[in-house]
Amino acid sequence: MHASSHNQSGFTLLELLVTMLIAVMAISVVAPRFSALIPGVEIKGEAQKVAALLRFARSRSIAEGDVISAVYIEEPLAIEVTGSSKLYTWPASITLELSRELGNSDDAPEIRFYPDGSSTGGVVSLKSDGLSYTVAVDWLTGRVTIND
């Protein structure tokens, strides 16, 4: 006597459709919340990039024993580090301003770093959609910090 047992494994079409429906509903609820976070993530990322750029300039100044500047350029809109061929640019949705603490205000906005680790000090302000971050450089220590 043959007992015919059909042990089939897998999912039925109905089970797959129900699972897909639940996944689509979950994504439709969560997706708008992620898009609301994107502007904040973008400006924070740009603030971190500016801080990294300024820390790089300070490190180069100490390592090379020379004055290194981070200069705000109006055309094209960018920040350039002395001796580097790369320009730091930012998205058009973000407003960026650079001001320094010490030195002649008639010169182009820049933050200078000296071989002893100090700097002219200054602040880079980033603003977008009501959000703002500042990247501050302490004139005495050259330390770079991000404030929101």
N, C-alpha and C. Protein backbone atom coordinates (compact mmCIF):
# COMPACT_ATOMS: atom_id res chain seq x y z
N MET A 1 0.82 -1.16 0.00
CA MET A 1 0.00 0.00 0.00
C MET A 1 0.89 1.24 0.00
N HIS A 2 0.56 2.09 -0.87
CA HIS A 2 1.31 3.34 -1.00
C HIS A 2 0.58 4.46 -0.31
N ALA A 3 1.27 5.02 0.63
CA ALA A 3 0.69 6.20 1.25
C ALA A 3 1.28 7.40 0.53
N SER A 4 0.46 8.13 -0.05
CA SER A 4 0.91 9.28 -0.81
C SER A 4 0.86 10.50 0.09
N SER A 5 2.04 10.91 0.53
CA SER A 5 2.07 12.12 1.36
C SER A 5 2.74 13.24 0.57
N HIS A 6 2.08 14.30 0.53
CA HIS A 6 2.57 15.46 -0.20
C HIS A 6 3.00 16.51 0.80
N ASN A 7 4.21 16.40 1.26
CA ASN A 7 4.77 17.42 2.16
C ASN A 7 5.41 18.50 1.31
N GLN A 8 4.67 19.51 1.03
CA GLN A 8 5.19 20.60 0.23
C GLN A 8 5.52 21.76 1.15
N SER A 9 6.64 22.35 0.89
CA SER A 9 6.98 23.53 1.68
C SER A 9 6.97 24.74 0.77
N GLY A 10 6.74 25.90 1.36
CA GLY A 10 6.68 27.12 0.58
C GLY A 10 5.53 27.97 1.05
N PHE A 11 5.27 29.00 0.29
CA PHE A 11 4.22 29.94 0.64
C PHE A 11 3.16 29.93 -0.44
N THR A 12 1.95 30.18 -0.01
CA THR A 12 0.87 30.29 -0.98
C THR A 12 0.88 31.71 -1.54
N LEU A 13 0.22 31.87 -2.65
CA LEU A 13 0.12 33.17 -3.28
C LEU A 13 -0.56 34.17 -2.34
N LEU A 14 -1.56 33.72 -1.62
CA LEU A 14 -2.27 34.58 -0.69
C LEU A 14 -1.34 35.07 0.43
N GLU A 15 -0.52 34.20 0.97
CA GLU A 15 0.42 34.59 2.02
C GLU A 15 1.41 35.63 1.52
N LEU A 16 1.91 35.45 0.31
CA LEU A 16 2.84 36.41 -0.27
C LEU A 16 2.18 37.77 -0.49
N LEU A 17 0.94 37.77 -0.97
CA LEU A 17 0.23 39.03 -1.20
C LEU A 17 -0.02 39.78 0.10
N VAL A 18 -0.41 39.05 1.15
CA VAL A 18 -0.65 39.69 2.45
C VAL A 18 0.65 40.29 2.98
N THR A 19 1.74 39.57 2.87
CA THR A 19 3.04 40.06 3.33
C THR A 19 3.45 41.31 2.56
N MET A 20 3.28 41.29 1.24
CA MET A 20 3.62 42.45 0.43
C MET A 20 2.75 43.66 0.79
N LEU A 21 1.47 43.43 1.05
CA LEU A 21 0.57 44.50 1.43
C LEU A 21 1.01 45.14 2.74
N ILE A 22 1.38 44.35 3.71
CA ILE A 22 1.84 44.87 5.00
C ILE A 22 3.14 45.67 4.81
N ALA A 23 4.05 45.18 3.99
CA ALA A 23 5.31 45.89 3.74
C ALA A 23 5.06 47.23 3.07
N VAL A 24 4.16 47.28 2.09
CA VAL A 24 3.85 48.53 1.40
C VAL A 24 3.22 49.53 2.36
N MET A 25 2.33 49.06 3.21
CA MET A 25 1.70 49.96 4.20
C MET A 25 2.74 50.50 5.17
N ALA A 26 3.66 49.68 5.61
CA ALA A 26 4.70 50.13 6.54
C ALA A 26 5.61 51.17 5.88
N ILE A 27 5.98 50.93 4.65
CA ILE A 27 6.85 51.88 3.92
C ILE A 27 6.13 53.20 3.69
N SER A 28 4.84 53.16 3.39
CA SER A 28 4.11 54.40 3.14
C SER A 28 3.97 55.24 4.40
N VAL A 29 3.99 54.63 5.57
CA VAL A 29 3.92 55.37 6.83
C VAL A 29 5.29 55.93 7.20
N VAL A 30 6.35 55.16 6.98
CA VAL A 30 7.69 55.54 7.41
C VAL A 30 8.37 56.49 6.43
N ALA A 31 8.16 56.36 5.14
CA ALA A 31 8.86 57.16 4.13
C ALA A 31 8.73 58.67 4.32
N PRO A 32 7.54 59.22 4.59
CA PRO A 32 7.48 60.67 4.78
C PRO A 32 8.30 61.15 5.97
N ARG A 33 8.44 60.35 6.98
CA ARG A 33 9.24 60.74 8.14
C ARG A 33 10.72 60.81 7.78
N PHE A 34 11.20 59.93 6.91
CA PHE A 34 12.59 59.97 6.49
C PHE A 34 12.86 61.21 5.65
N SER A 35 11.95 61.58 4.79
CA SER A 35 12.17 62.76 3.95
C SER A 35 12.22 64.03 4.79
N ALA A 36 11.51 64.04 5.92
CA ALA A 36 11.57 65.20 6.80
C ALA A 36 12.93 65.32 7.47
N LEU A 37 13.64 64.22 7.64
CA LEU A 37 14.94 64.24 8.28
C LEU A 37 16.07 64.61 7.33
N ILE A 38 15.88 64.46 6.06
CA ILE A 38 16.95 64.64 5.09
C ILE A 38 17.57 66.05 5.14
N PRO A 39 16.81 67.15 5.21
CA PRO A 39 17.47 68.46 5.27
C PRO A 39 18.39 68.59 6.49
N GLY A 40 17.97 68.08 7.63
CA GLY A 40 18.81 68.14 8.83
C GLY A 40 20.06 67.31 8.69
N VAL A 41 19.93 66.18 8.05
CA VAL A 41 21.08 65.30 7.84
C VAL A 41 22.05 65.95 6.87
N GLU A 42 21.53 66.59 5.84
CA GLU A 42 22.38 67.22 4.84
C GLU A 42 23.22 68.34 5.44
N ILE A 43 22.60 69.23 6.20
CA ILE A 43 23.35 70.36 6.75
C ILE A 43 24.33 69.89 7.82
N LYS A 44 23.96 68.88 8.60
CA LYS A 44 24.89 68.36 9.60
C LYS A 44 26.10 67.72 8.92
N GLY A 45 25.86 67.00 7.83
CA GLY A 45 26.96 66.40 7.08
C GLY A 45 27.89 67.46 6.51
N GLU A 46 27.33 68.54 6.03
CA GLU A 46 28.16 69.63 5.49
C GLU A 46 28.96 70.30 6.60
N ALA A 47 28.36 70.46 7.78
CA ALA A 47 29.09 71.03 8.92
C ALA A 47 30.26 70.13 9.29
N GLN A 48 30.05 68.83 9.25
CA GLN A 48 31.13 67.88 9.55
C GLN A 48 32.24 67.95 8.50
N LYS A 49 31.86 68.17 7.24
CA LYS A 49 32.86 68.30 6.18
C LYS A 49 33.70 69.57 6.37
N VAL A 50 33.03 70.67 6.74
CA VAL A 50 33.76 71.92 6.97
C VAL A 50 34.73 71.75 8.15
N ALA A 51 34.26 71.12 9.22
CA ALA A 51 35.12 70.88 10.38
C ALA A 51 36.32 70.02 10.00
N ALA A 52 36.09 68.99 9.20
CA ALA A 52 37.19 68.13 8.76
C ALA A 52 38.18 68.91 7.90
N LEU A 53 37.68 69.78 7.04
CA LEU A 53 38.54 70.61 6.19
C LEU A 53 39.42 71.53 7.04
N LEU A 54 38.83 72.16 8.06
CA LEU A 54 39.59 73.05 8.92
C LEU A 54 40.60 72.28 9.77
N ARG A 55 40.23 71.11 10.24
CA ARG A 55 41.17 70.27 11.00
C ARG A 55 42.34 69.83 10.11
N PHE A 56 42.03 69.53 8.85
CA PHE A 56 43.06 69.16 7.89
C PHE A 56 44.04 70.33 7.69
N ALA A 57 43.51 71.53 7.55
CA ALA A 57 44.36 72.71 7.36
C ALA A 57 45.27 72.92 8.58
N ARG A 58 44.72 72.76 9.76
CA ARG A 58 45.51 72.91 11.00
C ARG A 58 46.61 71.85 11.06
N SER A 59 46.25 70.62 10.77
CA SER A 59 47.23 69.53 10.81
C SER A 59 48.35 69.76 9.81
N ARG A 60 48.00 70.20 8.62
CA ARG A 60 49.03 70.50 7.60
C ARG A 60 49.95 71.61 8.06
N SER A 61 49.38 72.64 8.69
CA SER A 61 50.19 73.75 9.16
C SER A 61 51.22 73.28 10.19
N ILE A 62 50.79 72.46 11.11
CA ILE A 62 51.69 71.94 12.14
C ILE A 62 52.74 71.03 11.51
N ALA A 63 52.31 70.13 10.64
CA ALA A 63 53.22 69.15 10.03
C ALA A 63 54.25 69.80 9.11
N GLU A 64 53.83 70.81 8.35
CA GLU A 64 54.71 71.46 7.38
C GLU A 64 55.47 72.65 7.96
N GLY A 65 55.06 73.10 9.16
CA GLY A 65 55.73 74.25 9.76
C GLY A 65 55.50 75.54 9.00
N ASP A 66 54.32 75.67 8.40
CA ASP A 66 54.02 76.84 7.57
C ASP A 66 52.61 77.32 7.86
N VAL A 67 52.31 78.56 7.52
CA VAL A 67 50.95 79.10 7.69
C VAL A 67 50.08 78.53 6.58
N ILE A 68 48.94 77.95 6.96
CA ILE A 68 47.98 77.40 6.01
C ILE A 68 46.66 78.12 6.23
N SER A 69 46.02 78.55 5.15
CA SER A 69 44.77 79.29 5.25
C SER A 69 43.62 78.52 4.61
N ALA A 70 42.44 78.69 5.21
CA ALA A 70 41.19 78.24 4.60
C ALA A 70 40.50 79.52 4.15
N VAL A 71 40.41 79.72 2.84
CA VAL A 71 39.96 80.99 2.27
C VAL A 71 38.59 80.81 1.62
N TYR A 72 37.67 81.72 1.93
CA TYR A 72 36.34 81.76 1.33
C TYR A 72 36.45 82.43 -0.03
N ILE A 73 36.05 81.72 -1.08
CA ILE A 73 36.14 82.25 -2.44
C ILE A 73 34.71 82.49 -2.95
N GLU A 74 34.49 83.66 -3.54
CA GLU A 74 33.14 83.97 -4.03
C GLU A 74 32.85 83.42 -5.41
N GLU A 75 33.88 83.26 -6.25
CA GLU A 75 33.66 82.75 -7.60
C GLU A 75 34.69 81.71 -7.95
N PRO A 76 34.42 80.44 -8.02
CA PRO A 76 33.14 79.81 -7.68
C PRO A 76 32.98 79.81 -6.16
N LEU A 77 31.77 79.71 -5.71
CA LEU A 77 31.46 79.72 -4.28
C LEU A 77 32.08 78.49 -3.63
N ALA A 78 33.17 78.70 -2.86
CA ALA A 78 33.91 77.56 -2.32
C ALA A 78 34.84 78.00 -1.19
N ILE A 79 35.41 77.02 -0.51
CA ILE A 79 36.49 77.26 0.45
C ILE A 79 37.71 76.51 -0.07
N GLU A 80 38.85 77.21 -0.09
CA GLU A 80 40.09 76.60 -0.58
C GLU A 80 41.12 76.60 0.54
N VAL A 81 41.81 75.49 0.68
CA VAL A 81 42.91 75.39 1.64
C VAL A 81 44.19 75.65 0.87
N THR A 82 45.04 76.54 1.41
CA THR A 82 46.31 76.89 0.77
C THR A 82 47.09 75.63 0.39
N GLY A 83 47.57 75.60 -0.84
CA GLY A 83 48.40 74.49 -1.30
C GLY A 83 47.62 73.26 -1.73
N SER A 84 46.31 73.31 -1.67
CA SER A 84 45.49 72.17 -2.09
C SER A 84 44.79 72.52 -3.39
N SER A 85 44.74 71.58 -4.30
CA SER A 85 44.09 71.85 -5.58
C SER A 85 42.58 71.64 -5.52
N LYS A 86 42.10 71.03 -4.43
CA LYS A 86 40.67 70.76 -4.30
C LYS A 86 39.95 71.93 -3.64
N LEU A 87 38.76 72.21 -4.13
CA LEU A 87 37.91 73.23 -3.53
C LEU A 87 36.76 72.53 -2.81
N TYR A 88 36.41 73.04 -1.65
CA TYR A 88 35.23 72.52 -0.95
C TYR A 88 34.04 73.36 -1.39
N THR A 89 33.05 72.72 -1.98
CA THR A 89 31.81 73.40 -2.35
C THR A 89 30.67 72.76 -1.57
N TRP A 90 29.55 73.44 -1.52
CA TRP A 90 28.41 72.95 -0.77
C TRP A 90 27.15 73.11 -1.61
N PRO A 91 26.07 72.38 -1.24
CA PRO A 91 24.82 72.46 -2.00
C PRO A 91 24.24 73.88 -1.98
N ALA A 92 23.56 74.24 -3.04
CA ALA A 92 22.97 75.58 -3.16
C ALA A 92 21.91 75.83 -2.10
N SER A 93 21.34 74.78 -1.53
CA SER A 93 20.30 74.94 -0.51
C SER A 93 20.86 75.41 0.83
N ILE A 94 22.18 75.42 0.96
CA ILE A 94 22.83 75.80 2.22
C ILE A 94 23.54 77.14 2.04
N THR A 95 23.31 78.04 2.99
CA THR A 95 24.01 79.32 3.02
C THR A 95 25.21 79.18 3.95
N LEU A 96 26.38 79.55 3.49
CA LEU A 96 27.60 79.41 4.29
C LEU A 96 28.28 80.76 4.39
N GLU A 97 28.67 81.14 5.60
CA GLU A 97 29.39 82.39 5.83
C GLU A 97 30.61 82.10 6.68
N LEU A 98 31.74 82.72 6.35
CA LEU A 98 32.97 82.55 7.10
C LEU A 98 33.39 83.89 7.66
N SER A 99 33.64 83.96 8.96
CA SER A 99 34.15 85.18 9.57
C SER A 99 35.27 84.80 10.52
N ARG A 100 36.27 85.64 10.60
CA ARG A 100 37.39 85.33 11.49
C ARG A 100 37.43 86.30 12.65
N GLU A 101 38.11 85.88 13.71
CA GLU A 101 38.16 86.68 14.94
C GLU A 101 39.26 87.72 14.91
N LEU A 102 40.45 87.33 14.43
CA LEU A 102 41.60 88.22 14.46
C LEU A 102 42.07 88.55 13.05
N GLY A 103 42.66 89.71 12.87
CA GLY A 103 43.23 90.07 11.56
C GLY A 103 42.45 91.19 10.91
N ASN A 104 42.90 91.58 9.74
CA ASN A 104 42.32 92.68 9.00
C ASN A 104 41.01 92.23 8.35
N SER A 105 39.93 92.89 8.66
CA SER A 105 38.62 92.51 8.12
C SER A 105 38.45 92.90 6.65
N ASP A 106 39.39 93.71 6.11
CA ASP A 106 39.30 94.10 4.70
C ASP A 106 39.74 92.97 3.77
N ASP A 107 40.53 92.05 4.30
CA ASP A 107 40.99 90.92 3.48
C ASP A 107 39.84 89.97 3.19
N ALA A 108 40.08 89.05 2.26
CA ALA A 108 39.09 88.01 1.96
C ALA A 108 38.85 87.19 3.23
N PRO A 109 37.61 86.77 3.46
CA PRO A 109 37.36 85.96 4.66
C PRO A 109 38.20 84.69 4.63
N GLU A 110 38.98 84.50 5.68
CA GLU A 110 39.83 83.32 5.77
C GLU A 110 40.14 83.03 7.23
N ILE A 111 40.52 81.80 7.48
CA ILE A 111 41.01 81.41 8.80
C ILE A 111 42.41 80.88 8.57
N ARG A 112 43.39 81.50 9.24
CA ARG A 112 44.78 81.07 9.11
C ARG A 112 45.15 80.17 10.28
N PHE A 113 45.94 79.14 9.96
CA PHE A 113 46.45 78.24 10.98
C PHE A 113 47.97 78.38 10.99
N TYR A 114 48.54 78.43 12.21
CA TYR A 114 49.97 78.64 12.37
C TYR A 114 50.65 77.35 12.84
N PRO A 115 51.97 77.24 12.58
CA PRO A 115 52.70 76.01 12.93
C PRO A 115 52.64 75.61 14.41
N ASP A 116 52.39 76.56 15.29
CA ASP A 116 52.31 76.22 16.72
C ASP A 116 50.93 75.70 17.12
N GLY A 117 50.01 75.58 16.14
CA GLY A 117 48.66 75.06 16.40
C GLY A 117 47.62 76.14 16.58
N SER A 118 48.04 77.39 16.79
CA SER A 118 47.08 78.47 16.97
C SER A 118 46.51 78.89 15.61
N SER A 119 45.59 79.85 15.65
CA SER A 119 44.97 80.32 14.40
C SER A 119 44.48 81.74 14.58
N THR A 120 43.94 82.30 13.52
CA THR A 120 43.28 83.60 13.63
C THR A 120 41.91 83.42 14.27
N GLY A 121 41.45 82.18 14.35
CA GLY A 121 40.12 81.90 14.91
C GLY A 121 39.06 82.32 13.92
N GLY A 122 37.87 81.87 14.16
CA GLY A 122 36.78 82.25 13.29
C GLY A 122 35.61 81.31 13.40
N VAL A 123 34.58 81.64 12.66
CA VAL A 123 33.35 80.86 12.68
C VAL A 123 32.85 80.68 11.25
N VAL A 124 32.45 79.46 10.94
CA VAL A 124 31.78 79.18 9.68
C VAL A 124 30.34 78.86 10.04
N SER A 125 29.41 79.66 9.53
CA SER A 125 27.98 79.47 9.81
C SER A 125 27.32 78.82 8.60
N LEU A 126 26.57 77.76 8.86
CA LEU A 126 25.82 77.07 7.81
C LEU A 126 24.34 77.15 8.16
N LYS A 127 23.51 77.56 7.20
CA LYS A 127 22.07 77.70 7.44
C LYS A 127 21.30 77.11 6.28
N SER A 128 20.18 76.44 6.63
CA SER A 128 19.31 75.86 5.60
C SER A 128 17.97 75.52 6.21
N ASP A 129 16.90 76.00 5.63
CA ASP A 129 15.53 75.66 6.04
C ASP A 129 15.31 75.80 7.55
N GLY A 130 15.76 76.89 8.12
CA GLY A 130 15.54 77.14 9.54
C GLY A 130 16.51 76.42 10.45
N LEU A 131 17.37 75.58 9.92
CA LEU A 131 18.38 74.88 10.71
C LEU A 131 19.71 75.59 10.56
N SER A 132 20.52 75.55 11.60
CA SER A 132 21.83 76.17 11.49
C SER A 132 22.86 75.42 12.33
N TYR A 133 24.07 75.44 11.83
CA TYR A 133 25.22 74.88 12.53
C TYR A 133 26.34 75.89 12.43
N THR A 134 27.19 75.94 13.44
CA THR A 134 28.38 76.76 13.37
C THR A 134 29.58 75.87 13.63
N VAL A 135 30.61 76.10 12.87
CA VAL A 135 31.89 75.43 13.06
C VAL A 135 32.83 76.52 13.56
N ALA A 136 33.25 76.39 14.81
CA ALA A 136 34.07 77.43 15.44
C ALA A 136 35.52 76.97 15.54
N VAL A 137 36.44 77.92 15.31
CA VAL A 137 37.87 77.67 15.46
C VAL A 137 38.38 78.60 16.55
N ASP A 138 38.92 78.02 17.61
CA ASP A 138 39.46 78.80 18.71
C ASP A 138 40.79 79.42 18.28
N TRP A 139 40.97 80.72 18.51
CA TRP A 139 42.17 81.40 18.04
C TRP A 139 43.42 80.95 18.78
N LEU A 140 43.29 80.62 20.06
CA LEU A 140 44.47 80.28 20.86
C LEU A 140 44.96 78.85 20.60
N THR A 141 44.03 77.91 20.56
CA THR A 141 44.43 76.51 20.41
C THR A 141 44.25 75.97 18.99
N GLY A 142 43.46 76.66 18.17
CA GLY A 142 43.16 76.18 16.82
C GLY A 142 42.15 75.04 16.81
N ARG A 143 41.59 74.73 17.97
CA ARG A 143 40.63 73.62 18.09
C ARG A 143 39.37 73.94 17.31
N VAL A 144 38.87 72.93 16.56
CA VAL A 144 37.68 73.08 15.73
C VAL A 144 36.53 72.34 16.38
N THR A 145 35.40 73.03 16.58
CA THR A 145 34.22 72.41 17.18
C THR A 145 32.98 72.72 16.36
N ILE A 146 32.00 71.82 16.44
CA ILE A 146 30.71 72.01 15.75
C ILE A 146 29.65 72.28 16.81
N ASN A 147 28.88 73.33 16.59
CA ASN A 147 27.78 73.69 17.51
C ASN A 147 26.49 73.77 16.71
N ASP A 148 25.41 73.26 17.30
CA ASP A 148 24.11 73.37 16.59
C ASP A 148 23.18 74.32 17.32
